Amino acid sequence: MADIYEFVLSVNIRADVTDDELAELRWHVGQGPRPERLPIGTDRYVETYPLGDPDDPGCEWEDAEAEPVFARRGAARRVGGALVAELVARERPDGWALTVRQELHPDDFYQVRTLLAWLGRCSADAHAAGVESFVGYLRFHESAEIASLVLSNGRIRVPEDIESHTPHWEDATL
């Protein structure tokens, strides 16, 4: 049994994001090579993970390397349907439209949480005071219950499953 989640997201992004941020987002959705810099911050997660007991002085360590989060394509293994991610330019109003449907493991949650924080700040509706917008959901693959992703005041509320798997995550903007 695997800890696999279905993740669905649909959000419009403002046109004023930087070229570096757009390059990182394109990499995450499989539309470009990995840029030299990752300004959104998806490479700032805990850089080492213990393999074994961290209190054991002989514990082995593995270096973590950021990988694209939404680049998988083809048939989903656990949730059914297809895995997709598309980032396209919007004509009116200008900016970008992002739609994602992926299978995620909790090991991906730090990067997802970082991307959601950035997307919330850069969304076209980020500053619509008092307005809440449904932008997606997270669902454990064996459950019919979803945890909604809601955009409000420049933040995408993070479902408990993501928050509980990223206890060391810090963002000064939150």
N, C-alpha and C. Protein backbone atom coordinates (compact mmCIF):
# COMPACT_ATOMS: atom_id res chain seq x y z
N MET A 1 0.84 -1.17 0.00
CA MET A 1 0.00 0.00 0.00
C MET A 1 0.89 1.24 0.00
N ALA A 2 0.59 2.19 -0.83
CA ALA A 2 1.40 3.39 -0.94
C ALA A 2 0.64 4.60 -0.42
N ASP A 3 1.39 5.56 0.11
CA ASP A 3 0.80 6.83 0.55
C ASP A 3 0.73 7.76 -0.65
N ILE A 4 -0.24 7.54 -1.52
CA ILE A 4 -0.37 8.34 -2.73
C ILE A 4 -1.62 9.20 -2.63
N TYR A 5 -1.49 10.43 -3.06
CA TYR A 5 -2.58 11.40 -3.03
C TYR A 5 -2.84 11.90 -4.44
N GLU A 6 -4.11 12.16 -4.71
CA GLU A 6 -4.48 12.86 -5.94
C GLU A 6 -4.44 14.35 -5.62
N PHE A 7 -3.78 15.10 -6.47
CA PHE A 7 -3.64 16.55 -6.30
C PHE A 7 -4.15 17.22 -7.57
N VAL A 8 -5.13 18.11 -7.40
CA VAL A 8 -5.71 18.84 -8.53
C VAL A 8 -5.65 20.32 -8.21
N LEU A 9 -5.19 21.12 -9.17
CA LEU A 9 -5.04 22.56 -8.98
C LEU A 9 -5.33 23.29 -10.27
N SER A 10 -6.04 24.39 -10.16
CA SER A 10 -6.31 25.25 -11.31
C SER A 10 -6.26 26.69 -10.83
N VAL A 11 -5.30 27.45 -11.33
CA VAL A 11 -5.12 28.83 -10.85
C VAL A 11 -4.61 29.71 -11.98
N ASN A 12 -5.01 30.98 -11.95
CA ASN A 12 -4.51 31.97 -12.90
C ASN A 12 -3.42 32.78 -12.22
N ILE A 13 -2.34 33.02 -12.95
CA ILE A 13 -1.16 33.69 -12.40
C ILE A 13 -0.99 35.03 -13.10
N ARG A 14 -0.65 36.05 -12.32
CA ARG A 14 -0.45 37.40 -12.87
C ARG A 14 0.68 37.42 -13.89
N ALA A 15 0.64 38.39 -14.76
CA ALA A 15 1.65 38.53 -15.82
C ALA A 15 2.98 39.09 -15.29
N ASP A 16 2.99 39.67 -14.09
CA ASP A 16 4.20 40.33 -13.61
C ASP A 16 5.17 39.41 -12.87
N VAL A 17 5.01 38.10 -12.97
CA VAL A 17 6.00 37.20 -12.37
C VAL A 17 7.31 37.34 -13.14
N THR A 18 8.41 37.11 -12.46
CA THR A 18 9.71 37.29 -13.11
C THR A 18 10.00 36.15 -14.09
N ASP A 19 10.91 36.41 -15.00
CA ASP A 19 11.32 35.36 -15.96
C ASP A 19 11.92 34.16 -15.23
N ASP A 20 12.67 34.41 -14.15
CA ASP A 20 13.26 33.32 -13.37
C ASP A 20 12.18 32.47 -12.69
N GLU A 21 11.16 33.12 -12.13
CA GLU A 21 10.07 32.38 -11.50
C GLU A 21 9.31 31.56 -12.54
N LEU A 22 9.06 32.17 -13.68
CA LEU A 22 8.35 31.47 -14.75
C LEU A 22 9.16 30.27 -15.26
N ALA A 23 10.48 30.42 -15.34
CA ALA A 23 11.34 29.31 -15.76
C ALA A 23 11.25 28.15 -14.76
N GLU A 24 11.24 28.46 -13.46
CA GLU A 24 11.12 27.40 -12.46
C GLU A 24 9.76 26.72 -12.56
N LEU A 25 8.69 27.51 -12.72
CA LEU A 25 7.36 26.93 -12.84
C LEU A 25 7.26 26.05 -14.09
N ARG A 26 7.82 26.50 -15.19
CA ARG A 26 7.82 25.69 -16.42
C ARG A 26 8.54 24.36 -16.19
N TRP A 27 9.64 24.39 -15.46
CA TRP A 27 10.38 23.17 -15.14
C TRP A 27 9.50 22.23 -14.33
N HIS A 28 8.79 22.79 -13.33
CA HIS A 28 7.94 21.95 -12.48
C HIS A 28 6.82 21.28 -13.26
N VAL A 29 6.32 21.90 -14.32
CA VAL A 29 5.23 21.30 -15.10
C VAL A 29 5.75 20.55 -16.33
N GLY A 30 7.06 20.39 -16.44
CA GLY A 30 7.63 19.60 -17.52
C GLY A 30 7.70 20.33 -18.86
N GLN A 31 7.73 21.67 -18.82
CA GLN A 31 7.77 22.44 -20.05
C GLN A 31 9.11 23.13 -20.29
N GLY A 32 10.12 22.69 -19.59
CA GLY A 32 11.43 23.30 -19.79
C GLY A 32 12.48 22.63 -18.93
N PRO A 33 13.75 22.96 -19.21
CA PRO A 33 14.84 22.37 -18.42
C PRO A 33 14.91 23.00 -17.03
N ARG A 34 15.62 22.33 -16.14
CA ARG A 34 15.81 22.89 -14.80
C ARG A 34 16.65 24.15 -14.91
N PRO A 35 16.13 25.26 -14.40
CA PRO A 35 16.93 26.49 -14.43
C PRO A 35 18.05 26.42 -13.40
N GLU A 36 19.06 27.23 -13.61
CA GLU A 36 20.18 27.27 -12.68
C GLU A 36 19.72 27.72 -11.30
N ARG A 37 18.86 28.73 -11.25
CA ARG A 37 18.30 29.24 -9.99
C ARG A 37 16.86 28.78 -9.85
N LEU A 38 16.44 28.51 -8.61
CA LEU A 38 15.06 28.15 -8.31
C LEU A 38 14.51 29.21 -7.34
N PRO A 39 14.13 30.39 -7.87
CA PRO A 39 13.76 31.52 -7.00
C PRO A 39 12.46 31.33 -6.22
N ILE A 40 11.60 30.41 -6.64
CA ILE A 40 10.36 30.17 -5.90
C ILE A 40 10.68 29.53 -4.56
N GLY A 41 11.78 28.80 -4.49
CA GLY A 41 12.24 28.23 -3.23
C GLY A 41 12.02 26.75 -3.06
N THR A 42 11.69 26.05 -4.11
CA THR A 42 11.42 24.62 -3.98
C THR A 42 12.67 23.81 -3.71
N ASP A 43 13.83 24.45 -3.76
CA ASP A 43 15.07 23.74 -3.43
C ASP A 43 15.53 24.04 -2.00
N ARG A 44 14.73 24.77 -1.23
CA ARG A 44 15.13 25.16 0.12
C ARG A 44 14.63 24.22 1.20
N TYR A 45 14.09 23.06 0.82
CA TYR A 45 13.62 22.12 1.83
C TYR A 45 14.81 21.51 2.54
N VAL A 46 14.54 20.82 3.62
CA VAL A 46 15.61 20.22 4.40
C VAL A 46 16.54 19.48 3.45
N GLU A 47 17.81 19.84 3.47
CA GLU A 47 18.73 19.34 2.45
C GLU A 47 19.23 17.93 2.69
N THR A 48 19.01 17.40 3.86
CA THR A 48 19.41 16.02 4.12
C THR A 48 18.29 15.30 4.84
N TYR A 49 18.15 14.06 4.53
CA TYR A 49 17.14 13.21 5.17
C TYR A 49 17.86 12.02 5.80
N PRO A 50 17.53 11.71 7.06
CA PRO A 50 18.19 10.55 7.67
C PRO A 50 17.65 9.25 7.09
N LEU A 51 18.53 8.35 6.86
CA LEU A 51 18.15 6.99 6.49
C LEU A 51 18.43 6.14 7.72
N GLY A 52 17.44 5.91 8.54
CA GLY A 52 17.62 5.20 9.79
C GLY A 52 17.29 6.12 10.95
N ASP A 53 17.89 5.88 12.09
CA ASP A 53 17.61 6.64 13.30
C ASP A 53 18.51 7.87 13.36
N PRO A 54 17.93 9.09 13.34
CA PRO A 54 18.76 10.29 13.38
C PRO A 54 19.54 10.45 14.67
N ASP A 55 19.11 9.75 15.75
CA ASP A 55 19.85 9.83 17.02
C ASP A 55 21.05 8.89 17.04
N ASP A 56 21.15 8.03 16.05
CA ASP A 56 22.26 7.09 15.95
C ASP A 56 23.43 7.79 15.27
N PRO A 57 24.59 7.90 15.95
CA PRO A 57 25.73 8.60 15.35
C PRO A 57 26.22 7.94 14.06
N GLY A 58 25.88 6.68 13.85
CA GLY A 58 26.30 5.99 12.63
C GLY A 58 25.26 6.08 11.51
N CYS A 59 24.26 6.94 11.71
CA CYS A 59 23.17 7.06 10.73
C CYS A 59 23.71 7.55 9.39
N GLU A 60 23.22 6.94 8.33
CA GLU A 60 23.60 7.38 6.98
C GLU A 60 22.74 8.57 6.58
N TRP A 61 23.27 9.42 5.71
CA TRP A 61 22.53 10.59 5.23
C TRP A 61 22.55 10.61 3.72
N GLU A 62 21.47 11.11 3.18
CA GLU A 62 21.35 11.21 1.73
C GLU A 62 21.07 12.67 1.37
N ASP A 63 21.80 13.20 0.41
CA ASP A 63 21.55 14.57 -0.03
C ASP A 63 20.26 14.61 -0.84
N ALA A 64 19.44 15.62 -0.57
CA ALA A 64 18.19 15.78 -1.30
C ALA A 64 18.41 16.74 -2.46
N GLU A 65 17.84 16.42 -3.58
CA GLU A 65 17.94 17.26 -4.77
C GLU A 65 16.52 17.55 -5.24
N ALA A 66 16.23 18.83 -5.49
CA ALA A 66 14.90 19.20 -5.96
C ALA A 66 14.59 18.55 -7.30
N GLU A 67 13.35 18.09 -7.43
CA GLU A 67 12.89 17.50 -8.68
C GLU A 67 11.61 18.20 -9.10
N PRO A 68 11.27 18.17 -10.39
CA PRO A 68 10.02 18.81 -10.80
C PRO A 68 8.83 18.08 -10.19
N VAL A 69 7.89 18.84 -9.66
CA VAL A 69 6.78 18.26 -8.90
C VAL A 69 5.62 17.83 -9.79
N PHE A 70 5.34 18.58 -10.85
CA PHE A 70 4.15 18.32 -11.65
C PHE A 70 4.48 17.85 -13.06
N ALA A 71 5.61 17.22 -13.27
CA ALA A 71 6.06 16.87 -14.62
C ALA A 71 5.62 15.49 -15.08
N ARG A 72 5.00 14.71 -14.22
CA ARG A 72 4.61 13.36 -14.62
C ARG A 72 3.45 13.40 -15.61
N ARG A 73 3.50 12.51 -16.60
CA ARG A 73 2.46 12.41 -17.62
C ARG A 73 2.07 10.94 -17.79
N GLY A 74 0.94 10.72 -18.40
CA GLY A 74 0.51 9.36 -18.69
C GLY A 74 -0.57 8.90 -17.74
N ALA A 75 -0.78 7.60 -17.71
CA ALA A 75 -1.83 7.03 -16.87
C ALA A 75 -1.42 7.07 -15.40
N ALA A 76 -2.36 7.47 -14.57
CA ALA A 76 -2.13 7.45 -13.13
C ALA A 76 -2.12 6.01 -12.64
N ARG A 77 -1.30 5.71 -11.65
CA ARG A 77 -1.19 4.34 -11.16
C ARG A 77 -2.23 4.02 -10.10
N ARG A 78 -2.57 4.98 -9.24
CA ARG A 78 -3.46 4.71 -8.11
C ARG A 78 -4.81 5.42 -8.22
N VAL A 79 -4.85 6.63 -8.76
CA VAL A 79 -6.08 7.42 -8.69
C VAL A 79 -6.92 7.32 -9.96
N GLY A 80 -6.43 6.63 -10.97
CA GLY A 80 -7.17 6.53 -12.22
C GLY A 80 -7.00 7.78 -13.07
N GLY A 81 -7.38 7.68 -14.32
CA GLY A 81 -7.29 8.83 -15.21
C GLY A 81 -5.86 9.13 -15.61
N ALA A 82 -5.65 10.35 -16.08
CA ALA A 82 -4.35 10.76 -16.60
C ALA A 82 -3.70 11.80 -15.69
N LEU A 83 -2.37 11.79 -15.68
CA LEU A 83 -1.59 12.80 -14.98
C LEU A 83 -1.27 13.89 -15.99
N VAL A 84 -1.57 15.13 -15.64
CA VAL A 84 -1.36 16.25 -16.56
C VAL A 84 -0.86 17.47 -15.80
N ALA A 85 -0.25 18.36 -16.53
CA ALA A 85 0.11 19.69 -16.03
C ALA A 85 0.28 20.57 -17.26
N GLU A 86 -0.39 21.69 -17.23
CA GLU A 86 -0.34 22.58 -18.37
C GLU A 86 -0.24 24.02 -17.88
N LEU A 87 0.70 24.74 -18.43
CA LEU A 87 0.88 26.16 -18.16
C LEU A 87 0.78 26.87 -19.50
N VAL A 88 -0.22 27.71 -19.66
CA VAL A 88 -0.45 28.40 -20.93
C VAL A 88 -0.64 29.88 -20.69
N ALA A 89 -0.27 30.67 -21.69
CA ALA A 89 -0.46 32.11 -21.62
C ALA A 89 -1.94 32.44 -21.78
N ARG A 90 -2.40 33.39 -20.99
CA ARG A 90 -3.77 33.91 -21.12
C ARG A 90 -3.71 35.19 -21.93
N GLU A 91 -4.68 35.38 -22.80
CA GLU A 91 -4.69 36.60 -23.61
C GLU A 91 -5.35 37.75 -22.87
N ARG A 92 -6.55 37.55 -22.37
CA ARG A 92 -7.28 38.61 -21.68
C ARG A 92 -7.90 38.04 -20.42
N PRO A 93 -7.60 38.51 -19.26
CA PRO A 93 -6.47 39.39 -19.00
C PRO A 93 -5.16 38.62 -19.15
N ASP A 94 -4.08 39.33 -19.39
CA ASP A 94 -2.81 38.63 -19.63
C ASP A 94 -2.29 37.99 -18.35
N GLY A 95 -1.42 37.06 -18.53
CA GLY A 95 -0.87 36.27 -17.42
C GLY A 95 -0.78 34.82 -17.85
N TRP A 96 -0.95 33.94 -16.89
CA TRP A 96 -0.76 32.52 -17.14
C TRP A 96 -1.89 31.72 -16.50
N ALA A 97 -2.26 30.64 -17.14
CA ALA A 97 -3.25 29.71 -16.59
C ALA A 97 -2.53 28.39 -16.30
N LEU A 98 -2.69 27.88 -15.09
CA LEU A 98 -2.05 26.64 -14.67
C LEU A 98 -3.12 25.64 -14.26
N THR A 99 -3.05 24.44 -14.82
CA THR A 99 -3.91 23.34 -14.41
C THR A 99 -3.03 22.11 -14.19
N VAL A 100 -3.24 21.43 -13.06
CA VAL A 100 -2.41 20.29 -12.68
C VAL A 100 -3.31 19.18 -12.14
N ARG A 101 -3.01 17.96 -12.51
CA ARG A 101 -3.57 16.77 -11.86
C ARG A 101 -2.43 15.77 -11.78
N GLN A 102 -2.02 15.46 -10.56
CA GLN A 102 -0.87 14.60 -10.34
C GLN A 102 -1.14 13.63 -9.20
N GLU A 103 -0.34 12.57 -9.15
CA GLU A 103 -0.26 11.70 -7.99
C GLU A 103 0.96 12.16 -7.20
N LEU A 104 0.77 12.38 -5.91
CA LEU A 104 1.86 12.85 -5.07
C LEU A 104 2.07 11.92 -3.90
N HIS A 105 3.32 11.79 -3.51
CA HIS A 105 3.69 11.09 -2.29
C HIS A 105 4.00 12.16 -1.24
N PRO A 106 3.81 11.88 0.05
CA PRO A 106 4.13 12.89 1.07
C PRO A 106 5.55 13.45 0.97
N ASP A 107 6.49 12.71 0.38
CA ASP A 107 7.83 13.25 0.19
C ASP A 107 7.82 14.48 -0.71
N ASP A 108 6.77 14.65 -1.52
CA ASP A 108 6.65 15.80 -2.42
C ASP A 108 6.01 17.01 -1.74
N PHE A 109 5.47 16.83 -0.55
CA PHE A 109 4.65 17.87 0.06
C PHE A 109 5.40 19.16 0.36
N TYR A 110 6.69 19.08 0.71
CA TYR A 110 7.40 20.33 0.99
C TYR A 110 7.40 21.20 -0.26
N GLN A 111 7.76 20.61 -1.40
CA GLN A 111 7.81 21.39 -2.63
C GLN A 111 6.42 21.88 -3.02
N VAL A 112 5.40 21.04 -2.84
CA VAL A 112 4.03 21.45 -3.15
C VAL A 112 3.63 22.63 -2.27
N ARG A 113 3.95 22.54 -0.99
CA ARG A 113 3.59 23.63 -0.07
C ARG A 113 4.30 24.92 -0.45
N THR A 114 5.55 24.82 -0.85
CA THR A 114 6.29 25.99 -1.29
C THR A 114 5.68 26.58 -2.56
N LEU A 115 5.34 25.72 -3.51
CA LEU A 115 4.69 26.19 -4.74
C LEU A 115 3.34 26.83 -4.45
N LEU A 116 2.54 26.23 -3.56
CA LEU A 116 1.24 26.80 -3.22
C LEU A 116 1.38 28.18 -2.57
N ALA A 117 2.38 28.35 -1.72
CA ALA A 117 2.60 29.66 -1.09
C ALA A 117 2.92 30.71 -2.16
N TRP A 118 3.78 30.35 -3.11
CA TRP A 118 4.14 31.28 -4.19
C TRP A 118 2.94 31.54 -5.10
N LEU A 119 2.24 30.48 -5.49
CA LEU A 119 1.08 30.64 -6.37
C LEU A 119 0.00 31.49 -5.72
N GLY A 120 -0.19 31.35 -4.44
CA GLY A 120 -1.17 32.19 -3.75
C GLY A 120 -0.81 33.67 -3.85
N ARG A 121 0.46 33.98 -3.62
CA ARG A 121 0.92 35.37 -3.70
C ARG A 121 0.86 35.92 -5.12
N CYS A 122 1.08 35.05 -6.12
CA CYS A 122 1.18 35.50 -7.52
C CYS A 122 -0.09 35.25 -8.32
N SER A 123 -1.14 34.78 -7.67
CA SER A 123 -2.36 34.49 -8.41
C SER A 123 -3.03 35.79 -8.85
N ALA A 124 -3.79 35.70 -9.92
CA ALA A 124 -4.50 36.88 -10.44
C ALA A 124 -5.49 37.41 -9.42
N ASP A 125 -5.99 36.53 -8.54
CA ASP A 125 -6.98 36.95 -7.54
C ASP A 125 -6.38 37.08 -6.14
N ALA A 126 -5.09 37.25 -6.05
CA ALA A 126 -4.41 37.26 -4.76
C ALA A 126 -4.91 38.35 -3.82
N HIS A 127 -5.29 39.47 -4.35
CA HIS A 127 -5.64 40.60 -3.49
C HIS A 127 -7.12 40.95 -3.54
N ALA A 128 -7.95 39.99 -3.90
CA ALA A 128 -9.40 40.19 -3.87
C ALA A 128 -9.84 40.01 -2.42
N ALA A 129 -9.85 41.11 -1.69
CA ALA A 129 -10.11 41.08 -0.24
C ALA A 129 -11.44 40.42 0.08
N GLY A 130 -11.38 39.48 1.01
CA GLY A 130 -12.58 38.83 1.49
C GLY A 130 -13.20 37.82 0.55
N VAL A 131 -12.61 37.59 -0.61
CA VAL A 131 -13.15 36.65 -1.57
C VAL A 131 -12.39 35.34 -1.47
N GLU A 132 -13.12 34.24 -1.34
CA GLU A 132 -12.50 32.92 -1.33
C GLU A 132 -12.81 32.22 -2.64
N SER A 133 -11.78 31.58 -3.20
CA SER A 133 -11.95 30.86 -4.46
C SER A 133 -11.44 29.43 -4.30
N PHE A 134 -12.24 28.47 -4.74
CA PHE A 134 -11.83 27.07 -4.78
C PHE A 134 -10.84 26.92 -5.94
N VAL A 135 -9.64 26.42 -5.66
CA VAL A 135 -8.64 26.28 -6.72
C VAL A 135 -8.18 24.83 -6.90
N GLY A 136 -8.69 23.91 -6.08
CA GLY A 136 -8.30 22.51 -6.24
C GLY A 136 -8.54 21.70 -4.99
N TYR A 137 -7.90 20.53 -4.98
CA TYR A 137 -8.07 19.66 -3.81
C TYR A 137 -6.93 18.64 -3.72
N LEU A 138 -6.86 18.03 -2.54
CA LEU A 138 -5.95 16.93 -2.26
C LEU A 138 -6.82 15.79 -1.73
N ARG A 139 -6.57 14.56 -2.21
CA ARG A 139 -7.36 13.40 -1.79
C ARG A 139 -6.46 12.18 -1.69
N PHE A 140 -6.52 11.50 -0.52
CA PHE A 140 -5.81 10.24 -0.38
C PHE A 140 -6.41 9.27 -1.38
N HIS A 141 -5.59 8.49 -2.06
CA HIS A 141 -6.06 7.68 -3.18
C HIS A 141 -7.13 6.66 -2.82
N GLU A 142 -7.22 6.26 -1.56
CA GLU A 142 -8.24 5.28 -1.16
C GLU A 142 -9.46 5.92 -0.52
N SER A 143 -9.58 7.23 -0.61
CA SER A 143 -10.67 7.93 0.05
C SER A 143 -11.51 8.71 -0.97
N ALA A 144 -12.78 8.89 -0.64
CA ALA A 144 -13.66 9.72 -1.47
C ALA A 144 -13.73 11.15 -0.92
N GLU A 145 -13.09 11.40 0.23
CA GLU A 145 -13.11 12.73 0.83
C GLU A 145 -11.95 13.56 0.30
N ILE A 146 -12.27 14.83 0.02
CA ILE A 146 -11.22 15.73 -0.48
C ILE A 146 -10.95 16.82 0.54
N ALA A 147 -9.73 17.32 0.50
CA ALA A 147 -9.35 18.50 1.28
C ALA A 147 -9.20 19.63 0.27
N SER A 148 -10.09 20.60 0.37
CA SER A 148 -10.12 21.69 -0.61
C SER A 148 -8.90 22.59 -0.51
N LEU A 149 -8.46 23.07 -1.65
CA LEU A 149 -7.46 24.13 -1.74
C LEU A 149 -8.24 25.41 -2.02
N VAL A 150 -8.16 26.37 -1.11
CA VAL A 150 -8.93 27.59 -1.22
C VAL A 150 -7.99 28.78 -1.20
N LEU A 151 -8.14 29.66 -2.20
CA LEU A 151 -7.36 30.88 -2.29
C LEU A 151 -8.11 31.99 -1.58
N SER A 152 -7.44 32.65 -0.65
CA SER A 152 -8.04 33.76 0.08
C SER A 152 -6.94 34.73 0.51
N ASN A 153 -7.08 35.99 0.13
CA ASN A 153 -6.13 37.03 0.53
C ASN A 153 -4.68 36.68 0.21
N GLY A 154 -4.44 36.14 -0.97
CA GLY A 154 -3.09 35.85 -1.40
C GLY A 154 -2.48 34.59 -0.84
N ARG A 155 -3.29 33.75 -0.23
CA ARG A 155 -2.80 32.48 0.32
C ARG A 155 -3.69 31.34 -0.15
N ILE A 156 -3.05 30.24 -0.45
CA ILE A 156 -3.80 29.01 -0.71
C ILE A 156 -3.71 28.20 0.57
N ARG A 157 -4.85 28.01 1.21
CA ARG A 157 -4.87 27.25 2.46
C ARG A 157 -4.37 25.84 2.21
N VAL A 158 -3.47 25.42 3.05
CA VAL A 158 -2.82 24.12 2.91
C VAL A 158 -3.62 23.07 3.67
N PRO A 159 -4.00 21.97 3.00
CA PRO A 159 -4.72 20.90 3.70
C PRO A 159 -3.87 20.30 4.83
N GLU A 160 -4.54 19.78 5.83
CA GLU A 160 -3.87 19.19 7.00
C GLU A 160 -2.87 18.12 6.61
N ASP A 161 -3.19 17.29 5.59
CA ASP A 161 -2.27 16.24 5.17
C ASP A 161 -0.92 16.82 4.75
N ILE A 162 -0.94 17.94 4.05
CA ILE A 162 0.32 18.57 3.62
C ILE A 162 1.01 19.19 4.83
N GLU A 163 0.28 19.91 5.64
CA GLU A 163 0.87 20.58 6.79
C GLU A 163 1.51 19.59 7.75
N SER A 164 0.83 18.47 8.03
CA SER A 164 1.36 17.51 8.99
C SER A 164 2.61 16.79 8.46
N HIS A 165 2.79 16.72 7.15
CA HIS A 165 3.97 16.07 6.57
C HIS A 165 5.12 17.05 6.34
N THR A 166 4.91 18.33 6.65
CA THR A 166 5.98 19.32 6.45
C THR A 166 6.16 20.14 7.72
N PRO A 167 6.43 19.49 8.86
CA PRO A 167 6.47 20.21 10.14
C PRO A 167 7.61 21.21 10.25
N HIS A 168 8.67 21.03 9.49
CA HIS A 168 9.81 21.94 9.60
C HIS A 168 9.78 23.05 8.57
N TRP A 169 8.67 23.13 7.82
CA TRP A 169 8.56 24.12 6.77
C TRP A 169 8.39 25.50 7.39
N GLU A 170 9.15 26.45 6.88
CA GLU A 170 9.05 27.82 7.37
C GLU A 170 8.98 28.76 6.20
N ASP A 171 8.13 29.77 6.34
CA ASP A 171 8.03 30.82 5.33
C ASP A 171 7.72 32.10 6.07
N ALA A 172 8.63 33.04 5.99
CA ALA A 172 8.47 34.30 6.74
C ALA A 172 7.25 35.07 6.29
N THR A 173 6.72 34.80 5.10
CA THR A 173 5.58 35.56 4.61
C THR A 173 4.26 35.07 5.19
N LEU A 174 4.25 33.91 5.86
CA LEU A 174 2.99 33.39 6.40
C LEU A 174 2.73 33.81 7.80
